[in-house]
Amino acid sequence: AAILQKFNDINYICVRFPFVIGKDDYTGRLIKYIKC
């Protein structure tokens, strides 16, 4: 809300990740989401 309402004069992107992972994603979830 702050980005869109108070700082709307700058370029922005809000990414809503469904989870946070480290560099060793043994689950393969990120690849699955990218493919989808």
PDB file of all heavy atoms in Angstrom:
ATOM      1  N   ALA A   1       0.839  -1.205   0.000  1.00  0.00           N
ATOM      2  CA  ALA A   1       0.000   0.000   0.000  1.00  0.00           C
ATOM      3  C   ALA A   1       0.874   1.256   0.000  1.00  0.00           C
ATOM      4  O   ALA A   1       0.582   2.227  -0.708  1.00  0.00           O
ATOM      5  CB  ALA A   1      -0.941  -0.003   1.199  1.00  0.00           C
ATOM      6  N   ALA A   2       1.954   1.238   0.768  1.00  0.00           N
ATOM      7  CA  ALA A   2       2.847   2.399   0.820  1.00  0.00           C
ATOM      8  C   ALA A   2       3.463   2.674  -0.540  1.00  0.00           C
ATOM      9  O   ALA A   2       3.496   3.830  -0.988  1.00  0.00           O
ATOM     10  CB  ALA A   2       3.947   2.170   1.860  1.00  0.00           C
ATOM     11  N   ILE A   3       3.928   1.632  -1.200  1.00  0.00           N
ATOM     12  CA  ILE A   3       4.560   1.808  -2.515  1.00  0.00           C
ATOM     13  C   ILE A   3       3.567   2.410  -3.502  1.00  0.00           C
ATOM     14  O   ILE A   3       3.877   3.369  -4.216  1.00  0.00           O
ATOM     15  CB  ILE A   3       5.094   0.460  -3.047  1.00  0.00           C
ATOM     16  CG1 ILE A   3       6.255  -0.039  -2.185  1.00  0.00           C
ATOM     17  CG2 ILE A   3       5.504   0.559  -4.506  1.00  0.00           C
ATOM     18  CD1 ILE A   3       7.504   0.790  -2.259  1.00  0.00           C
ATOM     19  N   LEU A   4       2.362   1.870  -3.549  1.00  0.00           N
ATOM     20  CA  LEU A   4       1.387   2.328  -4.537  1.00  0.00           C
ATOM     21  C   LEU A   4       0.745   3.663  -4.184  1.00  0.00           C
ATOM     22  O   LEU A   4       0.422   4.452  -5.069  1.00  0.00           O
ATOM     23  CB  LEU A   4       0.302   1.273  -4.744  1.00  0.00           C
ATOM     24  CG  LEU A   4       0.682   0.228  -5.789  1.00  0.00           C
ATOM     25  CD1 LEU A   4       1.640  -0.791  -5.250  1.00  0.00           C
ATOM     26  CD2 LEU A   4      -0.552  -0.436  -6.324  1.00  0.00           C
ATOM     27  N   GLN A   5       0.562   3.922  -2.892  1.00  0.00           N
ATOM     28  CA  GLN A   5      -0.151   5.131  -2.489  1.00  0.00           C
ATOM     29  C   GLN A   5       0.767   6.314  -2.159  1.00  0.00           C
ATOM     30  O   GLN A   5       0.396   7.454  -2.395  1.00  0.00           O
ATOM     31  CB  GLN A   5      -1.025   4.828  -1.270  1.00  0.00           C
ATOM     32  CG  GLN A   5      -2.105   3.812  -1.559  1.00  0.00           C
ATOM     33  CD  GLN A   5      -2.838   3.375  -0.307  1.00  0.00           C
ATOM     34  OE1 GLN A   5      -2.965   4.132   0.654  1.00  0.00           O
ATOM     35  NE2 GLN A   5      -3.331   2.144  -0.302  1.00  0.00           N
ATOM     36  N   LYS A   6       1.927   6.041  -1.616  1.00  0.00           N
ATOM     37  CA  LYS A   6       2.807   7.120  -1.153  1.00  0.00           C
ATOM     38  C   LYS A   6       4.009   7.364  -2.058  1.00  0.00           C
ATOM     39  O   LYS A   6       4.587   8.436  -2.045  1.00  0.00           O
ATOM     40  CB  LYS A   6       3.319   6.822   0.269  1.00  0.00           C
ATOM     41  CG  LYS A   6       2.213   6.576   1.275  1.00  0.00           C
ATOM     42  CD  LYS A   6       1.355   7.805   1.467  1.00  0.00           C
ATOM     43  CE  LYS A   6       0.249   7.539   2.464  1.00  0.00           C
ATOM     44  NZ  LYS A   6      -0.678   8.638   2.585  1.00  0.00           N
ATOM     45  N   PHE A   7       4.410   6.350  -2.818  1.00  0.00           N
ATOM     46  CA  PHE A   7       5.600   6.471  -3.666  1.00  0.00           C
ATOM     47  C   PHE A   7       5.271   6.096  -5.105  1.00  0.00           C
ATOM     48  O   PHE A   7       6.061   5.491  -5.801  1.00  0.00           O
ATOM     49  CB  PHE A   7       6.721   5.574  -3.138  1.00  0.00           C
ATOM     50  CG  PHE A   7       7.125   5.895  -1.736  1.00  0.00           C
ATOM     51  CD1 PHE A   7       6.654   5.141  -0.673  1.00  0.00           C
ATOM     52  CD2 PHE A   7       7.967   6.967  -1.473  1.00  0.00           C
ATOM     53  CE1 PHE A   7       7.023   5.439   0.630  1.00  0.00           C
ATOM     54  CE2 PHE A   7       8.339   7.275  -0.172  1.00  0.00           C
ATOM     55  CZ  PHE A   7       7.860   6.512   0.882  1.00  0.00           C
ATOM     56  N   ASN A   8       4.093   6.477  -5.564  1.00  0.00           N
ATOM     57  CA  ASN A   8       3.638   6.066  -6.891  1.00  0.00           C
ATOM     58  C   ASN A   8       4.343   6.791  -8.032  1.00  0.00           C
ATOM     59  O   ASN A   8       4.060   6.538  -9.189  1.00  0.00           O
ATOM     60  CB  ASN A   8       2.124   6.209  -7.016  1.00  0.00           C
ATOM     61  CG  ASN A   8       1.663   7.636  -6.812  1.00  0.00           C
ATOM     62  OD1 ASN A   8       2.461   8.525  -6.574  1.00  0.00           O
ATOM     63  ND2 ASN A   8       0.367   7.839  -6.897  1.00  0.00           N
ATOM     64  N   ASP A   9       5.274   7.676  -7.715  1.00  0.00           N
ATOM     65  CA  ASP A   9       6.017   8.378  -8.761  1.00  0.00           C
ATOM     66  C   ASP A   9       7.311   7.648  -9.151  1.00  0.00           C
ATOM     67  O   ASP A   9       8.083   8.146  -9.962  1.00  0.00           O
ATOM     68  CB  ASP A   9       6.330   9.802  -8.319  1.00  0.00           C
ATOM     69  CG  ASP A   9       7.150   9.854  -7.040  1.00  0.00           C
ATOM     70  OD1 ASP A   9       7.076   8.900  -6.244  1.00  0.00           O
ATOM     71  OD2 ASP A   9       7.857  10.852  -6.823  1.00  0.00           O
ATOM     72  N   ILE A  10       7.559   6.471  -8.573  1.00  0.00           N
ATOM     73  CA  ILE A  10       8.750   5.694  -8.914  1.00  0.00           C
ATOM     74  C   ILE A  10       8.333   4.393  -9.596  1.00  0.00           C
ATOM     75  O   ILE A  10       7.197   3.932  -9.439  1.00  0.00           O
ATOM     76  CB  ILE A  10       9.600   5.380  -7.661  1.00  0.00           C
ATOM     77  CG1 ILE A  10       8.804   4.535  -6.650  1.00  0.00           C
ATOM     78  CG2 ILE A  10      10.116   6.656  -7.021  1.00  0.00           C
ATOM     79  CD1 ILE A  10       9.611   4.033  -5.489  1.00  0.00           C
ATOM     80  N   ASN A  11       9.223   3.823 -10.360  1.00  0.00           N
ATOM     81  CA  ASN A  11       8.969   2.512 -10.949  1.00  0.00           C
ATOM     82  C   ASN A  11       9.094   1.459  -9.857  1.00  0.00           C
ATOM     83  O   ASN A  11      10.000   1.542  -9.018  1.00  0.00           O
ATOM     84  CB  ASN A  11       9.971   2.216 -12.068  1.00  0.00           C
ATOM     85  CG  ASN A  11       9.764   3.123 -13.259  1.00  0.00           C
ATOM     86  OD1 ASN A  11       8.642   3.501 -13.568  1.00  0.00           O
ATOM     87  ND2 ASN A  11      10.846   3.482 -13.917  1.00  0.00           N
ATOM     88  N   TYR A  12       8.218   0.490  -9.861  1.00  0.00           N
ATOM     89  CA  TYR A  12       8.230  -0.530  -8.821  1.00  0.00           C
ATOM     90  C   TYR A  12       7.660  -1.835  -9.365  1.00  0.00           C
ATOM     91  O   TYR A  12       7.003  -1.866 -10.409  1.00  0.00           O
ATOM     92  CB  TYR A  12       7.403  -0.093  -7.610  1.00  0.00           C
ATOM     93  CG  TYR A  12       5.933   0.024  -7.956  1.00  0.00           C
ATOM     94  CD1 TYR A  12       5.090  -1.083  -7.855  1.00  0.00           C
ATOM     95  CD2 TYR A  12       5.399   1.214  -8.422  1.00  0.00           C
ATOM     96  CE1 TYR A  12       3.753  -0.991  -8.217  1.00  0.00           C
ATOM     97  CE2 TYR A  12       4.074   1.309  -8.785  1.00  0.00           C
ATOM     98  CZ  TYR A  12       3.257   0.207  -8.675  1.00  0.00           C
ATOM     99  OH  TYR A  12       1.938   0.291  -9.039  1.00  0.00           O
ATOM    100  N   ILE A  13       7.917  -2.879  -8.638  1.00  0.00           N
ATOM    101  CA  ILE A  13       7.259  -4.161  -8.858  1.00  0.00           C
ATOM    102  C   ILE A  13       7.141  -4.824  -7.496  1.00  0.00           C
ATOM    103  O   ILE A  13       8.057  -4.759  -6.682  1.00  0.00           O
ATOM    104  CB  ILE A  13       8.017  -5.063  -9.857  1.00  0.00           C
ATOM    105  CG1 ILE A  13       7.232  -6.342 -10.111  1.00  0.00           C
ATOM    106  CG2 ILE A  13       9.417  -5.368  -9.365  1.00  0.00           C
ATOM    107  CD1 ILE A  13       7.768  -7.186 -11.248  1.00  0.00           C
ATOM    108  N   CYS A  14       5.982  -5.379  -7.220  1.00  0.00           N
ATOM    109  CA  CYS A  14       5.755  -6.135  -5.995  1.00  0.00           C
ATOM    110  C   CYS A  14       5.582  -7.598  -6.401  1.00  0.00           C
ATOM    111  O   CYS A  14       4.665  -7.921  -7.147  1.00  0.00           O
ATOM    112  CB  CYS A  14       4.506  -5.659  -5.266  1.00  0.00           C
ATOM    113  SG  CYS A  14       4.621  -3.989  -4.627  1.00  0.00           S
ATOM    114  N   VAL A  15       6.464  -8.436  -5.926  1.00  0.00           N
ATOM    115  CA  VAL A  15       6.408  -9.855  -6.260  1.00  0.00           C
ATOM    116  C   VAL A  15       5.882 -10.610  -5.050  1.00  0.00           C
ATOM    117  O   VAL A  15       6.442 -10.506  -3.958  1.00  0.00           O
ATOM    118  CB  VAL A  15       7.808 -10.378  -6.664  1.00  0.00           C
ATOM    119  CG1 VAL A  15       7.729 -11.841  -7.050  1.00  0.00           C
ATOM    120  CG2 VAL A  15       8.378  -9.549  -7.791  1.00  0.00           C
ATOM    121  N   ARG A  16       4.794 -11.340  -5.247  1.00  0.00           N
ATOM    122  CA  ARG A  16       4.162 -12.081  -4.153  1.00  0.00           C
ATOM    123  C   ARG A  16       4.556 -13.551  -4.232  1.00  0.00           C
ATOM    124  O   ARG A  16       3.854 -14.388  -4.781  1.00  0.00           O
ATOM    125  CB  ARG A  16       2.652 -11.941  -4.226  1.00  0.00           C
ATOM    126  CG  ARG A  16       2.196 -10.519  -4.011  1.00  0.00           C
ATOM    127  CD  ARG A  16       0.704 -10.384  -4.175  1.00  0.00           C
ATOM    128  NE  ARG A  16       0.310  -8.990  -4.035  1.00  0.00           N
ATOM    129  CZ  ARG A  16      -0.808  -8.500  -4.517  1.00  0.00           C
ATOM    130  NH1 ARG A  16      -1.659  -9.265  -5.171  1.00  0.00           N
ATOM    131  NH2 ARG A  16      -1.099  -7.230  -4.352  1.00  0.00           N
ATOM    132  N   PHE A  17       5.690 -13.860  -3.659  1.00  0.00           N
ATOM    133  CA  PHE A  17       6.172 -15.233  -3.659  1.00  0.00           C
ATOM    134  C   PHE A  17       5.307 -16.098  -2.744  1.00  0.00           C
ATOM    135  O   PHE A  17       4.940 -15.675  -1.647  1.00  0.00           O
ATOM    136  CB  PHE A  17       7.618 -15.306  -3.165  1.00  0.00           C
ATOM    137  CG  PHE A  17       8.603 -14.706  -4.119  1.00  0.00           C
ATOM    138  CD1 PHE A  17       9.192 -13.483  -3.851  1.00  0.00           C
ATOM    139  CD2 PHE A  17       8.938 -15.366  -5.282  1.00  0.00           C
ATOM    140  CE1 PHE A  17      10.110 -12.930  -4.726  1.00  0.00           C
ATOM    141  CE2 PHE A  17       9.857 -14.828  -6.172  1.00  0.00           C
ATOM    142  CZ  PHE A  17      10.431 -13.604  -5.888  1.00  0.00           C
ATOM    143  N   PRO A  18       4.989 -17.323  -3.170  1.00  0.00           N
ATOM    144  CA  PRO A  18       4.204 -18.207  -2.308  1.00  0.00           C
ATOM    145  C   PRO A  18       5.057 -18.883  -1.240  1.00  0.00           C
ATOM    146  O   PRO A  18       4.545 -19.515  -0.342  1.00  0.00           O
ATOM    147  CB  PRO A  18       3.641 -19.246  -3.290  1.00  0.00           C
ATOM    148  CG  PRO A  18       4.613 -19.263  -4.412  1.00  0.00           C
ATOM    149  CD  PRO A  18       5.185 -17.874  -4.502  1.00  0.00           C
ATOM    150  N   PHE A  19       6.366 -18.749  -1.339  1.00  0.00           N
ATOM    151  CA  PHE A  19       7.275 -19.351  -0.371  1.00  0.00           C
ATOM    152  C   PHE A  19       8.637 -18.719  -0.552  1.00  0.00           C
ATOM    153  O   PHE A  19       8.916 -18.072  -1.553  1.00  0.00           O
ATOM    154  CB  PHE A  19       7.375 -20.865  -0.558  1.00  0.00           C
ATOM    155  CG  PHE A  19       7.888 -21.238  -1.925  1.00  0.00           C
ATOM    156  CD1 PHE A  19       9.233 -21.421  -2.148  1.00  0.00           C
ATOM    157  CD2 PHE A  19       7.020 -21.370  -2.998  1.00  0.00           C
ATOM    158  CE1 PHE A  19       9.703 -21.725  -3.411  1.00  0.00           C
ATOM    159  CE2 PHE A  19       7.490 -21.680  -4.256  1.00  0.00           C
ATOM    160  CZ  PHE A  19       8.841 -21.854  -4.468  1.00  0.00           C
ATOM    161  N   VAL A  20       9.511 -18.921   0.408  1.00  0.00           N
ATOM    162  CA  VAL A  20      10.876 -18.431   0.314  1.00  0.00           C
ATOM    163  C   VAL A  20      11.798 -19.635   0.390  1.00  0.00           C
ATOM    164  O   VAL A  20      11.614 -20.512   1.236  1.00  0.00           O
ATOM    165  CB  VAL A  20      11.198 -17.437   1.454  1.00  0.00           C
ATOM    166  CG1 VAL A  20      12.638 -16.996   1.403  1.00  0.00           C
ATOM    167  CG2 VAL A  20      10.263 -16.241   1.381  1.00  0.00           C
ATOM    168  N   ILE A  21      12.774 -19.676  -0.497  1.00  0.00           N
ATOM    169  CA  ILE A  21      13.709 -20.804  -0.510  1.00  0.00           C
ATOM    170  C   ILE A  21      15.135 -20.294  -0.568  1.00  0.00           C
ATOM    171  O   ILE A  21      15.376 -19.141  -0.898  1.00  0.00           O
ATOM    172  CB  ILE A  21      13.460 -21.734  -1.719  1.00  0.00           C
ATOM    173  CG1 ILE A  21      13.584 -20.945  -3.028  1.00  0.00           C
ATOM    174  CG2 ILE A  21      12.139 -22.432  -1.622  1.00  0.00           C
ATOM    175  CD1 ILE A  21      13.590 -21.795  -4.257  1.00  0.00           C
ATOM    176  N   GLY A  22      16.048 -21.180  -0.292  1.00  0.00           N
ATOM    177  CA  GLY A  22      17.463 -20.851  -0.412  1.00  0.00           C
ATOM    178  C   GLY A  22      18.001 -21.296  -1.755  1.00  0.00           C
ATOM    179  O   GLY A  22      17.251 -21.709  -2.647  1.00  0.00           O
ATOM    180  N   LYS A  23      19.311 -21.257  -1.905  1.00  0.00           N
ATOM    181  CA  LYS A  23      19.923 -21.584  -3.186  1.00  0.00           C
ATOM    182  C   LYS A  23      19.827 -23.069  -3.524  1.00  0.00           C
ATOM    183  O   LYS A  23      19.938 -23.440  -4.682  1.00  0.00           O
ATOM    184  CB  LYS A  23      21.374 -21.132  -3.215  1.00  0.00           C
ATOM    185  CG  LYS A  23      22.270 -21.856  -2.232  1.00  0.00           C
ATOM    186  CD  LYS A  23      23.690 -21.393  -2.361  1.00  0.00           C
ATOM    187  CE  LYS A  23      24.552 -22.207  -1.401  1.00  0.00           C
ATOM    188  NZ  LYS A  23      25.952 -22.046  -1.673  1.00  0.00           N
ATOM    189  N   ASP A  24      19.614 -23.923  -2.541  1.00  0.00           N
ATOM    190  CA  ASP A  24      19.541 -25.360  -2.774  1.00  0.00           C
ATOM    191  C   ASP A  24      18.109 -25.859  -2.621  1.00  0.00           C
ATOM    192  O   ASP A  24      17.777 -26.551  -1.666  1.00  0.00           O
ATOM    193  CB  ASP A  24      20.458 -26.110  -1.793  1.00  0.00           C
ATOM    194  CG  ASP A  24      21.910 -25.698  -1.962  1.00  0.00           C
ATOM    195  OD1 ASP A  24      22.350 -25.561  -3.126  1.00  0.00           O
ATOM    196  OD2 ASP A  24      22.592 -25.490  -0.948  1.00  0.00           O
ATOM    197  N   ASP A  25      17.259 -25.503  -3.567  1.00  0.00           N
ATOM    198  CA  ASP A  25      15.845 -25.901  -3.504  1.00  0.00           C
ATOM    199  C   ASP A  25      15.692 -27.355  -3.936  1.00  0.00           C
ATOM    200  O   ASP A  25      15.490 -27.657  -5.098  1.00  0.00           O
ATOM    201  CB  ASP A  25      15.002 -24.994  -4.393  1.00  0.00           C
ATOM    202  CG  ASP A  25      13.540 -25.399  -4.434  1.00  0.00           C
ATOM    203  OD1 ASP A  25      13.079 -26.082  -3.501  1.00  0.00           O
ATOM    204  OD2 ASP A  25      12.857 -25.036  -5.403  1.00  0.00           O
ATOM    205  N   TYR A  26      15.784 -28.258  -2.982  1.00  0.00           N
ATOM    206  CA  TYR A  26      15.656 -29.685  -3.285  1.00  0.00           C
ATOM    207  C   TYR A  26      14.217 -30.076  -3.623  1.00  0.00           C
ATOM    208  O   TYR A  26      13.976 -31.143  -4.164  1.00  0.00           O
ATOM    209  CB  TYR A  26      16.154 -30.524  -2.105  1.00  0.00           C
ATOM    210  CG  TYR A  26      15.337 -30.320  -0.850  1.00  0.00           C
ATOM    211  CD1 TYR A  26      14.214 -31.101  -0.599  1.00  0.00           C
ATOM    212  CD2 TYR A  26      15.672 -29.332   0.066  1.00  0.00           C
ATOM    213  CE1 TYR A  26      13.444 -30.901   0.537  1.00  0.00           C
ATOM    214  CE2 TYR A  26      14.917 -29.133   1.204  1.00  0.00           C
ATOM    215  CZ  TYR A  26      13.809 -29.923   1.431  1.00  0.00           C
ATOM    216  OH  TYR A  26      13.050 -29.719   2.554  1.00  0.00           O
ATOM    217  N   THR A  27      13.248 -29.208  -3.352  1.00  0.00           N
ATOM    218  CA  THR A  27      11.840 -29.546  -3.603  1.00  0.00           C
ATOM    219  C   THR A  27      11.446 -29.378  -5.065  1.00  0.00           C
ATOM    220  O   THR A  27      10.480 -29.972  -5.516  1.00  0.00           O
ATOM    221  CB  THR A  27      10.901 -28.659  -2.766  1.00  0.00           C
ATOM    222  OG1 THR A  27      11.014 -27.303  -3.215  1.00  0.00           O
ATOM    223  CG2 THR A  27      11.224 -28.741  -1.280  1.00  0.00           C
ATOM    224  N   GLY A  28      12.162 -28.518  -5.792  1.00  0.00           N
ATOM    225  CA  GLY A  28      11.814 -28.247  -7.178  1.00  0.00           C
ATOM    226  C   GLY A  28      10.607 -27.337  -7.333  1.00  0.00           C
ATOM    227  O   GLY A  28      10.106 -27.135  -8.437  1.00  0.00           O
ATOM    228  N   ARG A  29      10.105 -26.757  -6.228  1.00  0.00           N
ATOM    229  CA  ARG A  29       8.904 -25.921  -6.288  1.00  0.00           C
ATOM    230  C   ARG A  29       9.082 -24.695  -7.173  1.00  0.00           C
ATOM    231  O   ARG A  29       8.198 -24.359  -7.956  1.00  0.00           O
ATOM    232  CB  ARG A  29       8.490 -25.468  -4.889  1.00  0.00           C
ATOM    233  CG  ARG A  29       7.945 -26.583  -4.040  1.00  0.00           C
ATOM    234  CD  ARG A  29       7.489 -26.069  -2.712  1.00  0.00           C
ATOM    235  NE  ARG A  29       8.648 -25.614  -1.947  1.00  0.00           N
ATOM    236  CZ  ARG A  29       8.585 -25.138  -0.724  1.00  0.00           C
ATOM    237  NH1 ARG A  29       7.426 -25.026  -0.112  1.00  0.00           N
ATOM    238  NH2 ARG A  29       9.662 -24.753  -0.087  1.00  0.00           N
ATOM    239  N   LEU A  30      10.223 -24.037  -7.051  1.00  0.00           N
ATOM    240  CA  LEU A  30      10.423 -22.828  -7.837  1.00  0.00           C
ATOM    241  C   LEU A  30      10.383 -23.139  -9.331  1.00  0.00           C
ATOM    242  O   LEU A  30       9.728 -22.431 -10.090  1.00  0.00           O
ATOM    243  CB  LEU A  30      11.746 -22.157  -7.464  1.00  0.00           C
ATOM    244  CG  LEU A  30      12.041 -20.848  -8.201  1.00  0.00           C
ATOM    245  CD1 LEU A  30      10.940 -19.828  -7.962  1.00  0.00           C
ATOM    246  CD2 LEU A  30      13.383 -20.294  -7.765  1.00  0.00           C
ATOM    247  N   ILE A  31      11.036 -24.192  -9.749  1.00  0.00           N
ATOM    248  CA  ILE A  31      11.018 -24.582 -11.163  1.00  0.00           C
ATOM    249  C   ILE A  31       9.586 -24.885 -11.607  1.00  0.00           C
ATOM    250  O   ILE A  31       9.155 -24.474 -12.688  1.00  0.00           O
ATOM    251  CB  ILE A  31      11.932 -25.806 -11.402  1.00  0.00           C
ATOM    252  CG1 ILE A  31      13.379 -25.447 -11.092  1.00  0.00           C
ATOM    253  CG2 ILE A  31      11.788 -26.337 -12.815  1.00  0.00           C
ATOM    254  CD1 ILE A  31      13.961 -24.322 -11.914  1.00  0.00           C
ATOM    255  N   LYS A  32       8.819 -25.568 -10.759  1.00  0.00           N
ATOM    256  CA  LYS A  32       7.423 -25.873 -11.082  1.00  0.00           C
ATOM    257  C   LYS A  32       6.625 -24.590 -11.307  1.00  0.00           C
ATOM    258  O   LYS A  32       5.877 -24.468 -12.277  1.00  0.00           O
ATOM    259  CB  LYS A  32       6.794 -26.689  -9.956  1.00  0.00           C
ATOM    260  CG  LYS A  32       5.324 -26.960 -10.148  1.00  0.00           C
ATOM    261  CD  LYS A  32       4.734 -27.657  -8.939  1.00  0.00           C
ATOM    262  CE  LYS A  32       3.228 -27.722  -9.056  1.00  0.00           C
ATOM    263  NZ  LYS A  32       2.597 -28.226  -7.858  1.00  0.00           N
ATOM    264  N   TYR A  33       6.791 -23.614 -10.419  1.00  0.00           N
ATOM    265  CA  TYR A  33       6.062 -22.361 -10.543  1.00  0.00           C
ATOM    266  C   TYR A  33       6.480 -21.584 -11.789  1.00  0.00           C
ATOM    267  O   TYR A  33       5.653 -20.975 -12.460  1.00  0.00           O
ATOM    268  CB  TYR A  33       6.239 -21.503  -9.295  1.00  0.00           C
ATOM    269  CG  TYR A  33       5.569 -22.078  -8.069  1.00  0.00           C
ATOM    270  CD1 TYR A  33       6.186 -22.022  -6.828  1.00  0.00           C
ATOM    271  CD2 TYR A  33       4.329 -22.695  -8.144  1.00  0.00           C
ATOM    272  CE1 TYR A  33       5.565 -22.553  -5.703  1.00  0.00           C
ATOM    273  CE2 TYR A  33       3.714 -23.231  -7.026  1.00  0.00           C
ATOM    274  CZ  TYR A  33       4.342 -23.153  -5.813  1.00  0.00           C
ATOM    275  OH  TYR A  33       3.736 -23.669  -4.709  1.00  0.00           O
ATOM    276  N   ILE A  34       7.761 -21.593 -12.093  1.00  0.00           N
ATOM    277  CA  ILE A  34       8.241 -20.912 -13.297  1.00  0.00           C
ATOM    278  C   ILE A  34       7.655 -21.557 -14.548  1.00  0.00           C
ATOM    279  O   ILE A  34       7.206 -20.863 -15.465  1.00  0.00           O
ATOM    280  CB  ILE A  34       9.783 -20.895 -13.340  1.00  0.00           C
ATOM    281  CG1 ILE A  34      10.315 -19.975 -12.238  1.00  0.00           C
ATOM    282  CG2 ILE A  34      10.298 -20.474 -14.713  1.00  0.00           C
ATOM    283  CD1 ILE A  34      11.807 -20.055 -12.020  1.00  0.00           C
ATOM    284  N   LYS A  35       7.623 -22.882 -14.587  1.00  0.00           N
ATOM    285  CA  LYS A  35       7.047 -23.585 -15.741  1.00  0.00           C
ATOM    286  C   LYS A  35       5.563 -23.256 -15.893  1.00  0.00           C
ATOM    287  O   LYS A  35       5.085 -23.035 -17.005  1.00  0.00           O
ATOM    288  CB  LYS A  35       7.249 -25.095 -15.610  1.00  0.00           C
ATOM    289  CG  LYS A  35       8.662 -25.540 -15.896  1.00  0.00           C
ATOM    290  CD  LYS A  35       8.789 -27.051 -15.760  1.00  0.00           C
ATOM    291  CE  LYS A  35      10.212 -27.491 -16.014  1.00  0.00           C
ATOM    292  NZ  LYS A  35      10.379 -28.940 -15.861  1.00  0.00           N
ATOM    293  N   CYS A  36       4.830 -23.240 -14.783  1.00  0.00           N
ATOM    294  CA  CYS A  36       3.407 -22.895 -14.851  1.00  0.00           C
ATOM    295  C   CYS A  36       3.225 -21.483 -15.388  1.00  0.00           C
ATOM    296  O   CYS A  36       2.344 -21.243 -16.211  1.00  0.00           O
ATOM    297  CB  CYS A  36       2.763 -23.012 -13.474  1.00  0.00           C
ATOM    298  SG  CYS A  36       2.453 -24.694 -12.945  1.00  0.00           S
TER     299      CYS A  36
END
